[in-house]
Amino acid sequence: MTLNKKHNLTGWAFLTPATIMIAVMSFLPMIQAFILSLQKGKGTDLTFTGFGNYVRMFQDSVFRQSIINTFVYLIIQVPIMLILALILASMLNNKNLRGKGIFRTAIFLPCATSLVSYAIIFRSLFAVDGFVNTILIKLGILNTGYNFLGHATSAKIIIIIALVWRWTGYNMVFYLSGLQNIEYSVYEAAKIDGANPMQTFFKITVPLLKPTILLTAIMSTNGTLQLFDESVNLTAGGPANSTITMSHYIYNVSFKYVPNFGYAAAMSFLIFILVAVLAFIQMKVGDKRD
């Protein structure tokens, strides 16, 4: 056996276990889920229905509402969160800033907080007799407590605030990591050339962080399309399903209402296609490499 063949065999020996694991743990469930999405029935009593579940999805007003809600969260929350994370990372990358370790830890901590704990805190803050209403009444802005979680618009705003609060620090860590790979001499040269902080940010920081920004945008889009915890724990999808997300509705169809796994699998497949399409668009728009 030639040395080249030995190298090839060694490579395949390392790759084969991981390839089998990915095929068994990821691709096989996808195929099973697609087959399941072509069936209808209650529980495990299923019969083949073709693409009936996919047709039903677009006639289901709750599912249409869940798609609208999810895209509202995606379009508003993701840009705000990423821009805020980028600004914070730039500020905390200043080598002359004192106590930056404390600031970095404080901003990242919400990400490490239990989902249930932070949902309880937000529910308490925005309750009718909660902290926010107390402050607004004392300032004379409100006469009585406002039910923030009982109205569709304010409930969505609170979910967006909660998402931004929780995930900004997580994305900031990626940007900080990217910033620390940029030589400080680049910034010093820009400063000598007369660049102001805004020009430095847009002409140096943003272009050099473009791969990291693309990565965080894809991860955040993926995560928001699968948003579940905030809808369940903060508003329970209410009032009247006005804040429910796609994943929350799939959970309800699978486990809360009469179990309909075929219909739930069809909705899950739509999320899978949306994630794939949006990731592809972001890659095409954001990655200009040959």
C-alpha atoms as a PDB file:
ATOM      1  CA  MET A   1       0.000   0.000   0.000  1.00  0.00           C
ATOM      2  CA  THR A   2       1.354   3.418  -0.974  1.00  0.00           C
ATOM      3  CA  LEU A   3       1.878   6.195   1.550  1.00  0.00           C
ATOM      4  CA  ASN A   4      -0.818   8.282  -0.135  1.00  0.00           C
ATOM      5  CA  LYS A   5      -3.395   5.501   0.277  1.00  0.00           C
ATOM      6  CA  LYS A   6      -2.406   5.066   3.923  1.00  0.00           C
ATOM      7  CA  HIS A   7      -3.004   8.795   4.496  1.00  0.00           C
ATOM      8  CA  ASN A   8      -6.396   8.541   2.797  1.00  0.00           C
ATOM      9  CA  LEU A   9      -7.401   5.540   4.887  1.00  0.00           C
ATOM     10  CA  THR A  10      -6.319   7.310   8.073  1.00  0.00           C
ATOM     11  CA  GLY A  11      -8.443  10.299   7.139  1.00  0.00           C
ATOM     12  CA  TRP A  12     -11.484   8.117   6.421  1.00  0.00           C
ATOM     13  CA  ALA A  13     -10.937   6.256   9.713  1.00  0.00           C
ATOM     14  CA  PHE A  14     -11.208   9.554  11.610  1.00  0.00           C
ATOM     15  CA  LEU A  15     -14.141  10.850   9.555  1.00  0.00           C
ATOM     16  CA  THR A  16     -16.295   7.706   9.487  1.00  0.00           C
ATOM     17  CA  PRO A  17     -17.458   7.644  13.171  1.00  0.00           C
ATOM     18  CA  ALA A  18     -18.468  11.321  13.068  1.00  0.00           C
ATOM     19  CA  THR A  19     -20.209  10.850   9.702  1.00  0.00           C
ATOM     20  CA  ILE A  20     -22.188   7.867  11.013  1.00  0.00           C
ATOM     21  CA  MET A  21     -23.143   9.784  14.175  1.00  0.00           C
ATOM     22  CA  ILE A  22     -24.361  12.797  12.159  1.00  0.00           C
ATOM     23  CA  ALA A  23     -26.304  10.531   9.784  1.00  0.00           C
ATOM     24  CA  VAL A  24     -27.970   8.593  12.622  1.00  0.00           C
ATOM     25  CA  MET A  25     -28.577  11.533  14.982  1.00  0.00           C
ATOM     26  CA  SER A  26     -29.530  14.232  12.423  1.00  0.00           C
ATOM     27  CA  PHE A  27     -30.412  13.007   8.946  1.00  0.00           C
ATOM     28  CA  LEU A  28     -32.326   9.864   9.945  1.00  0.00           C
ATOM     29  CA  PRO A  29     -34.685  11.816  12.285  1.00  0.00           C
ATOM     30  CA  MET A  30     -35.217  14.371   9.495  1.00  0.00           C
ATOM     31  CA  ILE A  31     -36.321  11.618   7.099  1.00  0.00           C
ATOM     32  CA  GLN A  32     -38.556  10.066   9.777  1.00  0.00           C
ATOM     33  CA  ALA A  33     -40.059  13.495  10.544  1.00  0.00           C
ATOM     34  CA  PHE A  34     -40.798  14.088   6.858  1.00  0.00           C
ATOM     35  CA  ILE A  35     -42.514  10.675   6.561  1.00  0.00           C
ATOM     36  CA  LEU A  36     -44.478  11.492   9.732  1.00  0.00           C
ATOM     37  CA  SER A  37     -45.522  14.856   8.254  1.00  0.00           C
ATOM     38  CA  LEU A  38     -47.294  12.960   5.437  1.00  0.00           C
ATOM     39  CA  GLN A  39     -49.536  11.147   7.924  1.00  0.00           C
ATOM     40  CA  LYS A  40     -52.588  12.205   9.938  1.00  0.00           C
ATOM     41  CA  GLY A  41     -54.382  10.848  12.967  1.00  0.00           C
ATOM     42  CA  LYS A  42     -54.388  11.018  16.765  1.00  0.00           C
ATOM     43  CA  GLY A  43     -51.446   9.813  18.816  1.00  0.00           C
ATOM     44  CA  THR A  44     -49.915   6.749  17.165  1.00  0.00           C
ATOM     45  CA  ASP A  45     -53.046   5.891  15.122  1.00  0.00           C
ATOM     46  CA  LEU A  46     -51.774   7.396  11.847  1.00  0.00           C
ATOM     47  CA  THR A  47     -52.782   7.044   8.209  1.00  0.00           C
ATOM     48  CA  PHE A  48     -51.113   8.350   5.059  1.00  0.00           C
ATOM     49  CA  THR A  49     -52.546  11.702   3.904  1.00  0.00           C
ATOM     50  CA  GLY A  50     -49.996  12.983   1.400  1.00  0.00           C
ATOM     51  CA  PHE A  51     -49.455  16.740   1.639  1.00  0.00           C
ATOM     52  CA  GLY A  52     -52.735  17.318   3.491  1.00  0.00           C
ATOM     53  CA  ASN A  53     -50.957  18.576   6.617  1.00  0.00           C
ATOM     54  CA  TYR A  54     -49.015  21.141   4.583  1.00  0.00           C
ATOM     55  CA  VAL A  55     -52.255  22.414   3.021  1.00  0.00           C
ATOM     56  CA  ARG A  56     -53.885  22.572   6.455  1.00  0.00           C
ATOM     57  CA  MET A  57     -51.066  24.746   7.815  1.00  0.00           C
ATOM     58  CA  PHE A  58     -51.965  27.663   5.599  1.00  0.00           C
ATOM     59  CA  GLN A  59     -55.669  27.358   6.500  1.00  0.00           C
ATOM     60  CA  ASP A  60     -54.871  27.368  10.233  1.00  0.00           C
ATOM     61  CA  SER A  61     -55.339  30.918  11.575  1.00  0.00           C
ATOM     62  CA  VAL A  62     -53.388  30.194  14.791  1.00  0.00           C
ATOM     63  CA  PHE A  63     -50.403  28.912  12.826  1.00  0.00           C
ATOM     64  CA  ARG A  64     -50.534  31.937  10.523  1.00  0.00           C
ATOM     65  CA  GLN A  65     -50.605  34.163  13.621  1.00  0.00           C
ATOM     66  CA  SER A  66     -47.632  32.270  15.071  1.00  0.00           C
ATOM     67  CA  ILE A  67     -45.641  32.857  11.836  1.00  0.00           C
ATOM     68  CA  ILE A  68     -46.429  36.596  11.940  1.00  0.00           C
ATOM     69  CA  ASN A  69     -45.456  36.814  15.629  1.00  0.00           C
ATOM     70  CA  THR A  70     -42.192  34.954  15.071  1.00  0.00           C
ATOM     71  CA  PHE A  71     -41.199  37.230  12.185  1.00  0.00           C
ATOM     72  CA  VAL A  72     -42.116  40.334  14.204  1.00  0.00           C
ATOM     73  CA  TYR A  73     -39.718  39.171  16.931  1.00  0.00           C
ATOM     74  CA  LEU A  74     -37.089  38.312  14.312  1.00  0.00           C
ATOM     75  CA  ILE A  75     -37.254  41.602  12.383  1.00  0.00           C
ATOM     76  CA  ILE A  76     -37.273  43.849  15.473  1.00  0.00           C
ATOM     77  CA  GLN A  77     -35.239  41.969  18.066  1.00  0.00           C
ATOM     78  CA  VAL A  78     -32.319  40.542  16.065  1.00  0.00           C
ATOM     79  CA  PRO A  79     -31.039  43.851  14.561  1.00  0.00           C
ATOM     80  CA  ILE A  80     -31.423  45.705  17.894  1.00  0.00           C
ATOM     81  CA  MET A  81     -29.623  42.939  19.781  1.00  0.00           C
ATOM     82  CA  LEU A  82     -26.730  42.609  17.314  1.00  0.00           C
ATOM     83  CA  ILE A  83     -26.152  46.371  17.003  1.00  0.00           C
ATOM     84  CA  LEU A  84     -26.246  46.776  20.792  1.00  0.00           C
ATOM     85  CA  ALA A  85     -23.854  43.823  21.226  1.00  0.00           C
ATOM     86  CA  LEU A  86     -21.456  45.306  18.678  1.00  0.00           C
ATOM     87  CA  ILE A  87     -21.485  48.742  20.358  1.00  0.00           C
ATOM     88  CA  LEU A  88     -20.946  47.224  23.816  1.00  0.00           C
ATOM     89  CA  ALA A  89     -18.119  45.005  22.541  1.00  0.00           C
ATOM     90  CA  SER A  90     -16.392  48.024  20.956  1.00  0.00           C
ATOM     91  CA  MET A  91     -16.699  49.992  24.191  1.00  0.00           C
ATOM     92  CA  LEU A  92     -15.463  47.127  26.364  1.00  0.00           C
ATOM     93  CA  ASN A  93     -12.529  46.407  24.051  1.00  0.00           C
ATOM     94  CA  ASN A  94     -10.894  49.659  25.149  1.00  0.00           C
ATOM     95  CA  LYS A  95      -7.602  48.647  26.775  1.00  0.00           C
ATOM     96  CA  ASN A  96      -7.659  51.747  28.998  1.00  0.00           C
ATOM     97  CA  LEU A  97     -11.118  51.030  30.439  1.00  0.00           C
ATOM     98  CA  ARG A  98     -10.995  50.184  34.143  1.00  0.00           C
ATOM     99  CA  GLY A  99     -13.153  47.371  35.495  1.00  0.00           C
ATOM    100  CA  LYS A 100     -13.987  46.075  32.039  1.00  0.00           C
ATOM    101  CA  GLY A 101     -13.964  42.488  33.363  1.00  0.00           C
ATOM    102  CA  ILE A 102     -16.814  43.366  35.736  1.00  0.00           C
ATOM    103  CA  PHE A 103     -18.801  45.063  32.955  1.00  0.00           C
ATOM    104  CA  ARG A 104     -18.262  42.113  30.594  1.00  0.00           C
ATOM    105  CA  THR A 105     -19.388  39.643  33.256  1.00  0.00           C
ATOM    106  CA  ALA A 106     -22.433  41.728  34.185  1.00  0.00           C
ATOM    107  CA  ILE A 107     -23.592  41.970  30.552  1.00  0.00           C
ATOM    108  CA  PHE A 108     -23.004  38.260  29.902  1.00  0.00           C
ATOM    109  CA  LEU A 109     -24.705  37.071  33.125  1.00  0.00           C
ATOM    110  CA  PRO A 110     -28.327  37.208  31.814  1.00  0.00           C
ATOM    111  CA  CYS A 111     -27.366  34.517  29.306  1.00  0.00           C
ATOM    112  CA  ALA A 112     -26.406  32.213  32.178  1.00  0.00           C
ATOM    113  CA  THR A 113     -29.644  32.894  34.073  1.00  0.00           C
ATOM    114  CA  SER A 114     -32.260  30.162  34.252  1.00  0.00           C
ATOM    115  CA  LEU A 115     -35.074  30.683  31.736  1.00  0.00           C
ATOM    116  CA  VAL A 116     -37.749  30.143  34.358  1.00  0.00           C
ATOM    117  CA  SER A 117     -36.069  32.530  36.827  1.00  0.00           C
ATOM    118  CA  TYR A 118     -35.791  35.383  34.387  1.00  0.00           C
ATOM    119  CA  ALA A 119     -39.344  34.811  33.149  1.00  0.00           C
ATOM    120  CA  ILE A 120     -40.591  35.103  36.742  1.00  0.00           C
ATOM    121  CA  ILE A 121     -38.559  38.308  37.210  1.00  0.00           C
ATOM    122  CA  PHE A 122     -39.995  39.868  34.043  1.00  0.00           C
ATOM    123  CA  ARG A 123     -43.521  38.816  34.963  1.00  0.00           C
ATOM    124  CA  SER A 124     -43.056  40.437  38.385  1.00  0.00           C
ATOM    125  CA  LEU A 125     -41.544  43.608  36.911  1.00  0.00           C
ATOM    126  CA  PHE A 126     -44.417  44.122  34.459  1.00  0.00           C
ATOM    127  CA  ALA A 127     -47.285  42.897  36.651  1.00  0.00           C
ATOM    128  CA  VAL A 128     -50.195  45.295  37.311  1.00  0.00           C
ATOM    129  CA  ASP A 129     -48.805  45.916  40.806  1.00  0.00           C
ATOM    130  CA  GLY A 130     -45.189  45.399  39.696  1.00  0.00           C
ATOM    131  CA  PHE A 131     -42.124  47.599  39.829  1.00  0.00           C
ATOM    132  CA  VAL A 132     -42.589  49.251  36.407  1.00  0.00           C
ATOM    133  CA  ASN A 133     -46.203  50.219  37.081  1.00  0.00           C
ATOM    134  CA  THR A 134     -45.244  51.529  40.536  1.00  0.00           C
ATOM    135  CA  ILE A 135     -42.578  53.805  39.002  1.00  0.00           C
ATOM    136  CA  LEU A 136     -44.918  55.021  36.225  1.00  0.00           C
ATOM    137  CA  ILE A 137     -47.688  55.819  38.756  1.00  0.00           C
ATOM    138  CA  LYS A 138     -45.269  57.687  41.043  1.00  0.00           C
ATOM    139  CA  LEU A 139     -44.008  59.706  38.073  1.00  0.00           C
ATOM    140  CA  GLY A 140     -47.617  60.619  37.223  1.00  0.00           C
ATOM    141  CA  ILE A 141     -47.519  58.905  33.816  1.00  0.00           C
ATOM    142  CA  LEU A 142     -50.256  56.408  34.779  1.00  0.00           C
ATOM    143  CA  ASN A 143     -53.161  56.697  37.200  1.00  0.00           C
ATOM    144  CA  THR A 144     -53.564  52.960  37.720  1.00  0.00           C
ATOM    145  CA  GLY A 145     -51.487  49.900  36.930  1.00  0.00           C
ATOM    146  CA  TYR A 146     -51.386  48.844  33.258  1.00  0.00           C
ATOM    147  CA  ASN A 147     -51.671  45.156  32.377  1.00  0.00           C
ATOM    148  CA  PHE A 148     -48.596  44.934  30.130  1.00  0.00           C
ATOM    149  CA  LEU A 149     -48.889  41.165  29.641  1.00  0.00           C
ATOM    150  CA  GLY A 150     -52.639  41.362  29.026  1.00  0.00           C
ATOM    151  CA  HIS A 151     -52.430  43.417  25.812  1.00  0.00           C
ATOM    152  CA  ALA A 152     -51.038  42.060  22.560  1.00  0.00           C
ATOM    153  CA  THR A 153     -48.724  44.929  21.605  1.00  0.00           C
ATOM    154  CA  SER A 154     -47.219  45.517  25.044  1.00  0.00           C
ATOM    155  CA  ALA A 155     -46.820  41.757  25.605  1.00  0.00           C
ATOM    156  CA  LYS A 156     -44.834  41.476  22.347  1.00  0.00           C
ATOM    157  CA  ILE A 157     -42.681  44.454  23.345  1.00  0.00           C
ATOM    158  CA  ILE A 158     -41.904  42.794  26.685  1.00  0.00           C
ATOM    159  CA  ILE A 159     -40.897  39.565  24.938  1.00  0.00           C
ATOM    160  CA  ILE A 160     -38.574  41.575  22.658  1.00  0.00           C
ATOM    161  CA  ILE A 161     -37.085  43.429  25.667  1.00  0.00           C
ATOM    162  CA  ALA A 162     -36.550  40.106  27.438  1.00  0.00           C
ATOM    163  CA  LEU A 163     -34.842  38.580  24.402  1.00  0.00           C
ATOM    164  CA  VAL A 164     -32.559  41.586  23.958  1.00  0.00           C
ATOM    165  CA  TRP A 165     -31.697  41.580  27.674  1.00  0.00           C
ATOM    166  CA  ARG A 166     -30.913  37.885  27.695  1.00  0.00           C
ATOM    167  CA  TRP A 167     -28.974  37.404  24.440  1.00  0.00           C
ATOM    168  CA  THR A 168     -27.071  40.685  23.893  1.00  0.00           C
ATOM    169  CA  GLY A 169     -24.236  39.616  26.203  1.00  0.00           C
ATOM    170  CA  TYR A 170     -23.994  36.237  24.474  1.00  0.00           C
ATOM    171  CA  ASN A 171     -23.421  37.877  21.073  1.00  0.00           C
ATOM    172  CA  MET A 172     -21.142  40.499  22.632  1.00  0.00           C
ATOM    173  CA  VAL A 173     -18.718  37.714  23.613  1.00  0.00           C
ATOM    174  CA  PHE A 174     -18.359  36.694  19.954  1.00  0.00           C
ATOM    175  CA  TYR A 175     -17.649  40.288  18.933  1.00  0.00           C
ATOM    176  CA  LEU A 176     -15.153  40.774  21.771  1.00  0.00           C
ATOM    177  CA  SER A 177     -13.356  37.631  20.655  1.00  0.00           C
ATOM    178  CA  GLY A 178     -13.217  38.947  17.087  1.00  0.00           C
ATOM    179  CA  LEU A 179     -12.064  42.402  18.213  1.00  0.00           C
ATOM    180  CA  GLN A 180      -9.213  40.938  20.218  1.00  0.00           C
ATOM    181  CA  ASN A 181      -7.879  39.365  17.012  1.00  0.00           C
ATOM    182  CA  ILE A 182      -7.594  42.815  15.390  1.00  0.00           C
ATOM    183  CA  GLU A 183      -4.183  44.354  15.960  1.00  0.00           C
ATOM    184  CA  TYR A 184      -4.430  47.503  18.091  1.00  0.00           C
ATOM    185  CA  SER A 185      -1.829  49.074  15.781  1.00  0.00           C
ATOM    186  CA  VAL A 186      -4.546  49.266  13.099  1.00  0.00           C
ATOM    187  CA  TYR A 187      -6.588  51.572  15.347  1.00  0.00           C
ATOM    188  CA  GLU A 188      -3.508  53.597  16.258  1.00  0.00           C
ATOM    189  CA  ALA A 189      -2.656  54.060  12.563  1.00  0.00           C
ATOM    190  CA  ALA A 190      -6.238  55.199  11.891  1.00  0.00           C
ATOM    191  CA  LYS A 191      -6.007  57.638  14.794  1.00  0.00           C
ATOM    192  CA  ILE A 192      -2.733  59.073  13.438  1.00  0.00           C
ATOM    193  CA  ASP A 193      -4.419  59.485  10.037  1.00  0.00           C
ATOM    194  CA  GLY A 194      -7.109  61.574  11.727  1.00  0.00           C
ATOM    195  CA  ALA A 195     -10.007  59.070  11.806  1.00  0.00           C
ATOM    196  CA  ASN A 196     -12.653  59.880  14.423  1.00  0.00           C
ATOM    197  CA  PRO A 197     -14.305  57.118  16.542  1.00  0.00           C
ATOM    198  CA  MET A 198     -17.284  56.812  14.173  1.00  0.00           C
ATOM    199  CA  GLN A 199     -15.045  56.427  11.122  1.00  0.00           C
ATOM    200  CA  THR A 200     -12.902  53.885  12.987  1.00  0.00           C
ATOM    201  CA  PHE A 201     -16.002  51.914  13.925  1.00  0.00           C
ATOM    202  CA  PHE A 202     -17.542  51.814  10.440  1.00  0.00           C
ATOM    203  CA  LYS A 203     -14.323  51.634   8.373  1.00  0.00           C
ATOM    204  CA  ILE A 204     -12.264  49.233  10.513  1.00  0.00           C
ATOM    205  CA  THR A 205     -14.279  47.438  13.197  1.00  0.00           C
ATOM    206  CA  VAL A 206     -17.362  46.495  11.169  1.00  0.00           C
ATOM    207  CA  PRO A 207     -15.520  45.284   8.001  1.00  0.00           C
ATOM    208  CA  LEU A 208     -13.009  43.215   9.986  1.00  0.00           C
ATOM    209  CA  LEU A 209     -15.774  41.691  12.094  1.00  0.00           C
ATOM    210  CA  LYS A 210     -17.938  40.847   9.094  1.00  0.00           C
ATOM    211  CA  PRO A 211     -17.496  37.034   9.361  1.00  0.00           C
ATOM    212  CA  THR A 212     -18.409  37.176  13.084  1.00  0.00           C
ATOM    213  CA  ILE A 213     -21.398  39.432  12.388  1.00  0.00           C
ATOM    214  CA  LEU A 214     -22.575  36.970   9.733  1.00  0.00           C
ATOM    215  CA  LEU A 215     -22.179  34.062  12.149  1.00  0.00           C
ATOM    216  CA  THR A 216     -24.159  35.780  14.921  1.00  0.00           C
ATOM    217  CA  ALA A 217     -26.851  36.893  12.459  1.00  0.00           C
ATOM    218  CA  ILE A 218     -27.373  33.309  11.269  1.00  0.00           C
ATOM    219  CA  MET A 219     -27.372  31.918  14.822  1.00  0.00           C
ATOM    220  CA  SER A 220     -29.781  34.597  16.054  1.00  0.00           C
ATOM    221  CA  THR A 221     -32.137  34.071  13.104  1.00  0.00           C
ATOM    222  CA  ASN A 222     -32.063  30.334  13.688  1.00  0.00           C
ATOM    223  CA  GLY A 223     -32.720  30.778  17.415  1.00  0.00           C
ATOM    224  CA  THR A 224     -35.563  33.278  16.939  1.00  0.00           C
ATOM    225  CA  LEU A 225     -37.363  31.089  14.395  1.00  0.00           C
ATOM    226  CA  GLN A 226     -37.331  28.339  17.036  1.00  0.00           C
ATOM    227  CA  LEU A 227     -38.324  30.704  19.871  1.00  0.00           C
ATOM    228  CA  PHE A 228     -40.202  28.782  22.547  1.00  0.00           C
ATOM    229  CA  ASP A 229     -39.286  29.577  26.141  1.00  0.00           C
ATOM    230  CA  GLU A 230     -40.252  33.253  26.260  1.00  0.00           C
ATOM    231  CA  SER A 231     -43.626  32.637  24.638  1.00  0.00           C
ATOM    232  CA  VAL A 232     -44.386  29.817  27.091  1.00  0.00           C
ATOM    233  CA  ASN A 233     -43.000  31.284  30.307  1.00  0.00           C
ATOM    234  CA  LEU A 234     -43.771  34.999  29.917  1.00  0.00           C
ATOM    235  CA  THR A 235     -47.160  35.163  28.226  1.00  0.00           C
ATOM    236  CA  ALA A 236     -48.237  31.516  27.673  1.00  0.00           C
ATOM    237  CA  GLY A 237     -48.845  32.640  24.078  1.00  0.00           C
ATOM    238  CA  GLY A 238     -51.583  35.037  25.131  1.00  0.00           C
ATOM    239  CA  PRO A 239     -53.610  37.062  25.198  1.00  0.00           C
ATOM    240  CA  ALA A 240     -55.679  35.007  22.692  1.00  0.00           C
ATOM    241  CA  ASN A 241     -52.585  33.548  20.944  1.00  0.00           C
ATOM    242  CA  SER A 242     -51.407  37.058  20.035  1.00  0.00           C
ATOM    243  CA  THR A 243     -47.817  36.350  21.170  1.00  0.00           C
ATOM    244  CA  ILE A 244     -47.577  32.632  20.406  1.00  0.00           C
ATOM    245  CA  THR A 245     -44.571  31.484  18.352  1.00  0.00           C
ATOM    246  CA  MET A 246     -44.314  28.651  15.826  1.00  0.00           C
ATOM    247  CA  SER A 247     -42.420  26.328  18.198  1.00  0.00           C
ATOM    248  CA  HIS A 248     -44.891  27.038  20.999  1.00  0.00           C
ATOM    249  CA  TYR A 249     -47.823  26.156  18.742  1.00  0.00           C
ATOM    250  CA  ILE A 250     -46.078  22.960  17.592  1.00  0.00           C
ATOM    251  CA  TYR A 251     -45.635  22.020  21.258  1.00  0.00           C
ATOM    252  CA  ASN A 252     -49.330  22.662  21.911  1.00  0.00           C
ATOM    253  CA  VAL A 253     -50.362  20.535  18.915  1.00  0.00           C
ATOM    254  CA  SER A 254     -48.053  17.721  20.018  1.00  0.00           C
ATOM    255  CA  PHE A 255     -48.571  17.623  23.761  1.00  0.00           C
ATOM    256  CA  LYS A 256     -51.210  20.090  24.996  1.00  0.00           C
ATOM    257  CA  TYR A 257     -54.123  19.517  22.642  1.00  0.00           C
ATOM    258  CA  VAL A 258     -55.127  16.104  21.244  1.00  0.00           C
ATOM    259  CA  PRO A 259     -51.714  14.807  20.027  1.00  0.00           C
ATOM    260  CA  ASN A 260     -51.345  15.234  16.274  1.00  0.00           C
ATOM    261  CA  PHE A 261     -47.734  14.380  15.558  1.00  0.00           C
ATOM    262  CA  GLY A 262     -48.155  14.345  11.764  1.00  0.00           C
ATOM    263  CA  TYR A 263     -49.403  17.939  11.678  1.00  0.00           C
ATOM    264  CA  ALA A 264     -46.719  18.998  14.188  1.00  0.00           C
ATOM    265  CA  ALA A 265     -44.024  17.370  12.014  1.00  0.00           C
ATOM    266  CA  ALA A 266     -45.292  19.262   8.945  1.00  0.00           C
ATOM    267  CA  MET A 267     -45.076  22.585  10.814  1.00  0.00           C
ATOM    268  CA  SER A 268     -41.592  21.666  12.054  1.00  0.00           C
ATOM    269  CA  PHE A 269     -40.518  21.031   8.495  1.00  0.00           C
ATOM    270  CA  LEU A 270     -41.681  24.494   7.489  1.00  0.00           C
ATOM    271  CA  ILE A 271     -39.443  25.980  10.224  1.00  0.00           C
ATOM    272  CA  PHE A 272     -36.562  23.844   8.932  1.00  0.00           C
ATOM    273  CA  ILE A 273     -37.070  25.195   5.395  1.00  0.00           C
ATOM    274  CA  LEU A 274     -37.335  28.801   6.651  1.00  0.00           C
ATOM    275  CA  VAL A 275     -34.106  28.461   8.655  1.00  0.00           C
ATOM    276  CA  ALA A 276     -32.297  26.944   5.654  1.00  0.00           C
ATOM    277  CA  VAL A 277     -33.548  29.616   3.228  1.00  0.00           C
ATOM    278  CA  LEU A 278     -32.750  32.566   5.523  1.00  0.00           C
ATOM    279  CA  ALA A 279     -29.287  31.148   6.346  1.00  0.00           C
ATOM    280  CA  PHE A 280     -28.606  30.720   2.627  1.00  0.00           C
ATOM    281  CA  ILE A 281     -29.675  34.307   1.880  1.00  0.00           C
ATOM    282  CA  GLN A 282     -27.548  35.650   4.719  1.00  0.00           C
ATOM    283  CA  MET A 283     -24.547  33.652   3.501  1.00  0.00           C
ATOM    284  CA  LYS A 284     -24.996  34.951  -0.040  1.00  0.00           C
ATOM    285  CA  VAL A 285     -25.471  38.569   1.066  1.00  0.00           C
ATOM    286  CA  GLY A 286     -22.862  38.636   3.840  1.00  0.00           C
ATOM    287  CA  ASP A 287     -20.092  36.388   2.536  1.00  0.00           C
ATOM    288  CA  LYS A 288     -18.410  37.898  -0.530  1.00  0.00           C
ATOM    289  CA  ARG A 289     -15.484  35.456  -0.613  1.00  0.00           C
ATOM    290  CA  ASP A 290     -14.889  33.473  -3.814  1.00  0.00           C
END
